[in-house]
């Protein structure tokens, strides 16, 4: 990931003071901040552009007796938005720029499909999102606070997956 950069040492002199500045440490710090913000943006997009977030804008067809399912999905959508907001705040506090991201084009094919059908798709997408989040955690060892937030978002994503699986199980029992 990080390329070796040939660096040099600078000296800064003030009247009565000589401060050697290690340019290499400055470059590494800047590279770490850039890499951290890139990973945080990736996580933010995973959350803010998830299928559950998309369904807020393009509501599926819902049976009259599916209000419990709808309530669960609304709670999940609120949670992913809060996580995306927290990731955005961390990006901004690190001097980064928030990338908006886009919903996957394939989501447009889910318009007007039944919520019963979409539960299976939601589970599959959630599993993919969990894998993406897991791939971002280890590289964030360079930024412990960012890594902790990523691990927290992973726990929330796994909790959402459990909720979706419970919804499917309760519908098959009915």
C-alpha atoms as a PDB file:
ATOM      1  CA  UNK A   1       0.000   0.000   0.000  1.00  0.00           C
ATOM      2  CA  UNK A   2       2.481   2.612   1.146  1.00  0.00           C
ATOM      3  CA  UNK A   3       5.338   3.236  -1.215  1.00  0.00           C
ATOM      4  CA  UNK A   4       8.774   3.982   0.043  1.00  0.00           C
ATOM      5  CA  UNK A   5       9.510   7.661  -0.394  1.00  0.00           C
ATOM      6  CA  UNK A   6      13.002   9.057  -0.385  1.00  0.00           C
ATOM      7  CA  UNK A   7      13.019  11.790   2.183  1.00  0.00           C
ATOM      8  CA  UNK A   8      15.427  14.254   3.629  1.00  0.00           C
ATOM      9  CA  UNK A   9      15.835  16.098   6.896  1.00  0.00           C
ATOM     10  CA  UNK A  10      15.112  19.782   7.236  1.00  0.00           C
ATOM     11  CA  UNK A  11      16.342  22.149   9.851  1.00  0.00           C
ATOM     12  CA  UNK A  12      14.301  25.030  11.071  1.00  0.00           C
ATOM     13  CA  UNK A  13      16.175  27.799  12.783  1.00  0.00           C
ATOM     14  CA  UNK A  14      14.719  30.490  14.942  1.00  0.00           C
ATOM     15  CA  UNK A  15      16.810  33.030  16.807  1.00  0.00           C
ATOM     16  CA  UNK A  16      18.417  31.081  19.631  1.00  0.00           C
ATOM     17  CA  UNK A  17      16.775  27.803  18.603  1.00  0.00           C
ATOM     18  CA  UNK A  18      17.600  25.021  16.163  1.00  0.00           C
ATOM     19  CA  UNK A  19      14.893  22.401  15.477  1.00  0.00           C
ATOM     20  CA  UNK A  20      15.712  19.451  13.219  1.00  0.00           C
ATOM     21  CA  UNK A  21      12.569  18.324  11.410  1.00  0.00           C
ATOM     22  CA  UNK A  22      12.382  14.766  10.175  1.00  0.00           C
ATOM     23  CA  UNK A  23      10.618  15.141   6.815  1.00  0.00           C
ATOM     24  CA  UNK A  24      10.111  11.381   6.628  1.00  0.00           C
ATOM     25  CA  UNK A  25       7.850  11.375   9.704  1.00  0.00           C
ATOM     26  CA  UNK A  26       5.848  14.277   8.252  1.00  0.00           C
ATOM     27  CA  UNK A  27       5.324  12.388   4.972  1.00  0.00           C
ATOM     28  CA  UNK A  28       4.280   9.205   6.785  1.00  0.00           C
ATOM     29  CA  UNK A  29       1.846  11.152   8.970  1.00  0.00           C
ATOM     30  CA  UNK A  30       0.267  12.760   5.899  1.00  0.00           C
ATOM     31  CA  UNK A  31       0.086   9.406   4.108  1.00  0.00           C
ATOM     32  CA  UNK A  32      -1.548   7.821   7.178  1.00  0.00           C
ATOM     33  CA  UNK A  33      -4.145  10.594   7.375  1.00  0.00           C
ATOM     34  CA  UNK A  34      -4.938  10.195   3.676  1.00  0.00           C
ATOM     35  CA  UNK A  35      -5.182   6.414   3.944  1.00  0.00           C
ATOM     36  CA  UNK A  36      -7.336   6.689   7.073  1.00  0.00           C
ATOM     37  CA  UNK A  37      -9.734   9.121   5.416  1.00  0.00           C
ATOM     38  CA  UNK A  38      -9.946   6.905   2.340  1.00  0.00           C
ATOM     39  CA  UNK A  39     -10.897   3.921   4.489  1.00  0.00           C
ATOM     40  CA  UNK A  40     -13.370   5.977   6.532  1.00  0.00           C
ATOM     41  CA  UNK A  41     -14.991   7.224   3.329  1.00  0.00           C
ATOM     42  CA  UNK A  42     -15.257   3.658   2.092  1.00  0.00           C
ATOM     43  CA  UNK A  43     -16.976   2.658   5.341  1.00  0.00           C
ATOM     44  CA  UNK A  44     -19.242   5.703   5.207  1.00  0.00           C
ATOM     45  CA  UNK A  45     -20.354   4.841   1.683  1.00  0.00           C
ATOM     46  CA  UNK A  46     -21.002   1.214   2.688  1.00  0.00           C
ATOM     47  CA  UNK A  47     -23.427   2.504   5.307  1.00  0.00           C
ATOM     48  CA  UNK A  48     -24.984   5.519   3.616  1.00  0.00           C
ATOM     49  CA  UNK A  49     -25.446   3.743   0.275  1.00  0.00           C
ATOM     50  CA  UNK A  50     -26.656   0.404   1.620  1.00  0.00           C
ATOM     51  CA  UNK A  51     -29.806  -1.261   0.336  1.00  0.00           C
ATOM     52  CA  UNK A  52     -31.671  -0.574   3.569  1.00  0.00           C
ATOM     53  CA  UNK A  53     -30.846   3.143   3.142  1.00  0.00           C
ATOM     54  CA  UNK A  54     -31.960   3.019  -0.501  1.00  0.00           C
ATOM     55  CA  UNK A  55     -35.339   1.542   0.409  1.00  0.00           C
ATOM     56  CA  UNK A  56     -36.162   4.785   2.219  1.00  0.00           C
ATOM     57  CA  UNK A  57     -36.248   6.477  -1.180  1.00  0.00           C
ATOM     58  CA  UNK A  58     -37.753   3.642  -3.201  1.00  0.00           C
ATOM     59  CA  UNK A  59     -40.225   1.835  -0.989  1.00  0.00           C
ATOM     60  CA  UNK A  60     -40.926  -1.781  -1.867  1.00  0.00           C
ATOM     61  CA  UNK A  61     -44.394  -3.281  -2.130  1.00  0.00           C
ATOM     62  CA  UNK A  62     -45.530  -4.110   1.394  1.00  0.00           C
ATOM     63  CA  UNK A  63     -48.297  -6.433   2.555  1.00  0.00           C
ATOM     64  CA  UNK A  64     -50.767  -4.966   5.018  1.00  0.00           C
ATOM     65  CA  UNK A  65     -49.566  -7.274   7.795  1.00  0.00           C
ATOM     66  CA  UNK A  66     -45.860  -6.382   7.386  1.00  0.00           C
ATOM     67  CA  UNK A  67     -45.702  -3.407   9.732  1.00  0.00           C
ATOM     68  CA  UNK A  68     -43.242  -5.138  12.078  1.00  0.00           C
ATOM     69  CA  UNK A  69     -40.880  -5.732   9.179  1.00  0.00           C
ATOM     70  CA  UNK A  70     -41.191  -2.116   8.077  1.00  0.00           C
ATOM     71  CA  UNK A  71     -40.478  -0.879  11.610  1.00  0.00           C
ATOM     72  CA  UNK A  72     -37.355  -3.029  11.799  1.00  0.00           C
ATOM     73  CA  UNK A  73     -36.097  -1.759   8.439  1.00  0.00           C
ATOM     74  CA  UNK A  74     -36.736   1.858   9.459  1.00  0.00           C
ATOM     75  CA  UNK A  75     -34.762   1.317  12.660  1.00  0.00           C
ATOM     76  CA  UNK A  76     -31.926  -0.222  10.642  1.00  0.00           C
ATOM     77  CA  UNK A  77     -31.973   2.685   8.179  1.00  0.00           C
ATOM     78  CA  UNK A  78     -31.778   5.164  11.069  1.00  0.00           C
ATOM     79  CA  UNK A  79     -28.860   3.245  12.551  1.00  0.00           C
ATOM     80  CA  UNK A  80     -26.855   3.111   9.303  1.00  0.00           C
ATOM     81  CA  UNK A  81     -27.425   6.838   8.810  1.00  0.00           C
ATOM     82  CA  UNK A  82     -26.172   7.600  12.330  1.00  0.00           C
ATOM     83  CA  UNK A  83     -23.094   5.456  11.663  1.00  0.00           C
ATOM     84  CA  UNK A  84     -22.482   7.221   8.342  1.00  0.00           C
ATOM     85  CA  UNK A  85     -22.808  10.589  10.104  1.00  0.00           C
ATOM     86  CA  UNK A  86     -20.283   9.582  12.773  1.00  0.00           C
ATOM     87  CA  UNK A  87     -17.850   8.387  10.125  1.00  0.00           C
ATOM     88  CA  UNK A  88     -18.327  11.680   8.275  1.00  0.00           C
ATOM     89  CA  UNK A  89     -17.600  13.659  11.429  1.00  0.00           C
ATOM     90  CA  UNK A  90     -14.389  11.697  11.927  1.00  0.00           C
ATOM     91  CA  UNK A  91     -13.350  12.314   8.312  1.00  0.00           C
ATOM     92  CA  UNK A  92     -13.911  16.055   8.702  1.00  0.00           C
ATOM     93  CA  UNK A  93     -12.120  16.180  12.053  1.00  0.00           C
ATOM     94  CA  UNK A  94      -9.133  14.522  10.370  1.00  0.00           C
ATOM     95  CA  UNK A  95      -9.062  17.214   7.714  1.00  0.00           C
ATOM     96  CA  UNK A  96     -10.532  14.972   5.039  1.00  0.00           C
ATOM     97  CA  UNK A  97     -13.235  15.476   2.482  1.00  0.00           C
ATOM     98  CA  UNK A  98     -16.465  13.495   2.571  1.00  0.00           C
ATOM     99  CA  UNK A  99     -17.140  11.599  -0.633  1.00  0.00           C
ATOM    100  CA  UNK A 100     -20.877  11.219  -1.293  1.00  0.00           C
ATOM    101  CA  UNK A 101     -20.785   7.882  -3.097  1.00  0.00           C
ATOM    102  CA  UNK A 102     -23.651   6.525  -5.140  1.00  0.00           C
ATOM    103  CA  UNK A 103     -26.206   3.813  -4.704  1.00  0.00           C
ATOM    104  CA  UNK A 104     -25.366   0.787  -6.865  1.00  0.00           C
ATOM    105  CA  UNK A 105     -27.193   0.921 -10.181  1.00  0.00           C
ATOM    106  CA  UNK A 106     -28.602  -2.557  -9.585  1.00  0.00           C
ATOM    107  CA  UNK A 107     -30.768  -1.113  -6.792  1.00  0.00           C
ATOM    108  CA  UNK A 108     -33.002   0.501  -9.406  1.00  0.00           C
ATOM    109  CA  UNK A 109     -34.130  -3.001 -10.358  1.00  0.00           C
ATOM    110  CA  UNK A 110     -35.648  -3.427  -6.890  1.00  0.00           C
ATOM    111  CA  UNK A 111     -38.389  -0.841  -7.356  1.00  0.00           C
ATOM    112  CA  UNK A 112     -41.845  -2.171  -6.590  1.00  0.00           C
ATOM    113  CA  UNK A 113     -40.645  -5.653  -5.655  1.00  0.00           C
ATOM    114  CA  UNK A 114     -42.224  -7.201  -2.599  1.00  0.00           C
ATOM    115  CA  UNK A 115     -40.586  -6.729   0.745  1.00  0.00           C
ATOM    116  CA  UNK A 116     -40.808 -10.503   1.256  1.00  0.00           C
ATOM    117  CA  UNK A 117     -38.544 -11.044  -1.753  1.00  0.00           C
ATOM    118  CA  UNK A 118     -36.212  -8.204  -0.815  1.00  0.00           C
ATOM    119  CA  UNK A 119     -35.473  -9.664   2.621  1.00  0.00           C
ATOM    120  CA  UNK A 120     -33.298 -12.301   0.966  1.00  0.00           C
ATOM    121  CA  UNK A 121     -31.541  -9.649  -1.100  1.00  0.00           C
ATOM    122  CA  UNK A 122     -31.069  -7.504   2.003  1.00  0.00           C
ATOM    123  CA  UNK A 123     -29.395 -10.428   3.784  1.00  0.00           C
ATOM    124  CA  UNK A 124     -27.043 -11.032   0.858  1.00  0.00           C
ATOM    125  CA  UNK A 125     -26.137  -7.337   0.606  1.00  0.00           C
ATOM    126  CA  UNK A 126     -25.630  -7.129   4.383  1.00  0.00           C
ATOM    127  CA  UNK A 127     -23.220 -10.071   4.247  1.00  0.00           C
ATOM    128  CA  UNK A 128     -21.277  -8.281   1.484  1.00  0.00           C
ATOM    129  CA  UNK A 129     -21.221  -5.074   3.527  1.00  0.00           C
ATOM    130  CA  UNK A 130     -19.897  -6.963   6.555  1.00  0.00           C
ATOM    131  CA  UNK A 131     -17.050  -8.378   4.452  1.00  0.00           C
ATOM    132  CA  UNK A 132     -16.182  -4.880   3.199  1.00  0.00           C
ATOM    133  CA  UNK A 133     -16.202  -3.474   6.734  1.00  0.00           C
ATOM    134  CA  UNK A 134     -13.961  -6.319   7.959  1.00  0.00           C
ATOM    135  CA  UNK A 135     -11.474  -5.574   5.181  1.00  0.00           C
ATOM    136  CA  UNK A 136     -11.205  -1.966   6.377  1.00  0.00           C
ATOM    137  CA  UNK A 137     -10.527  -2.711  10.041  1.00  0.00           C
ATOM    138  CA  UNK A 138      -6.971  -4.091   9.959  1.00  0.00           C
ATOM    139  CA  UNK A 139      -5.481  -1.262   7.867  1.00  0.00           C
ATOM    140  CA  UNK A 140      -6.923   1.194  10.400  1.00  0.00           C
ATOM    141  CA  UNK A 141      -4.423   0.087  13.063  1.00  0.00           C
ATOM    142  CA  UNK A 142      -2.624   3.316  12.139  1.00  0.00           C
ATOM    143  CA  UNK A 143      -5.607   5.231  13.585  1.00  0.00           C
ATOM    144  CA  UNK A 144      -6.955   3.557  16.746  1.00  0.00           C
ATOM    145  CA  UNK A 145     -10.028   5.811  17.101  1.00  0.00           C
ATOM    146  CA  UNK A 146     -11.005   5.185  13.486  1.00  0.00           C
ATOM    147  CA  UNK A 147     -10.422   1.469  13.962  1.00  0.00           C
ATOM    148  CA  UNK A 148     -12.648   1.463  17.056  1.00  0.00           C
ATOM    149  CA  UNK A 149     -15.435   3.186  15.106  1.00  0.00           C
ATOM    150  CA  UNK A 150     -15.015   0.673  12.267  1.00  0.00           C
ATOM    151  CA  UNK A 151     -15.252  -2.217  14.742  1.00  0.00           C
ATOM    152  CA  UNK A 152     -18.366  -0.649  16.245  1.00  0.00           C
ATOM    153  CA  UNK A 153     -19.907  -0.335  12.784  1.00  0.00           C
ATOM    154  CA  UNK A 154     -19.057  -3.993  12.141  1.00  0.00           C
ATOM    155  CA  UNK A 155     -20.895  -5.003  15.302  1.00  0.00           C
ATOM    156  CA  UNK A 156     -23.925  -2.955  14.260  1.00  0.00           C
ATOM    157  CA  UNK A 157     -23.851  -4.478  10.767  1.00  0.00           C
ATOM    158  CA  UNK A 158     -23.756  -7.983  12.247  1.00  0.00           C
ATOM    159  CA  UNK A 159     -26.664  -7.042  14.511  1.00  0.00           C
ATOM    160  CA  UNK A 160     -28.617  -5.861  11.467  1.00  0.00           C
ATOM    161  CA  UNK A 161     -27.867  -9.144   9.709  1.00  0.00           C
ATOM    162  CA  UNK A 162     -29.216 -11.035  12.726  1.00  0.00           C
ATOM    163  CA  UNK A 163     -32.375  -8.888  12.654  1.00  0.00           C
ATOM    164  CA  UNK A 164     -32.900  -9.609   8.957  1.00  0.00           C
ATOM    165  CA  UNK A 165     -32.412 -13.341   9.490  1.00  0.00           C
ATOM    166  CA  UNK A 166     -34.916 -13.266  12.355  1.00  0.00           C
ATOM    167  CA  UNK A 167     -37.420 -11.495  10.108  1.00  0.00           C
ATOM    168  CA  UNK A 168     -37.082 -14.210   7.481  1.00  0.00           C
ATOM    169  CA  UNK A 169     -37.401 -16.937  10.113  1.00  0.00           C
ATOM    170  CA  UNK A 170     -40.528 -15.336  11.607  1.00  0.00           C
ATOM    171  CA  UNK A 171     -42.139 -15.062   8.179  1.00  0.00           C
ATOM    172  CA  UNK A 172     -41.459 -18.722   7.402  1.00  0.00           C
ATOM    173  CA  UNK A 173     -43.007 -19.699  10.767  1.00  0.00           C
ATOM    174  CA  UNK A 174     -46.162 -17.731   9.978  1.00  0.00           C
END
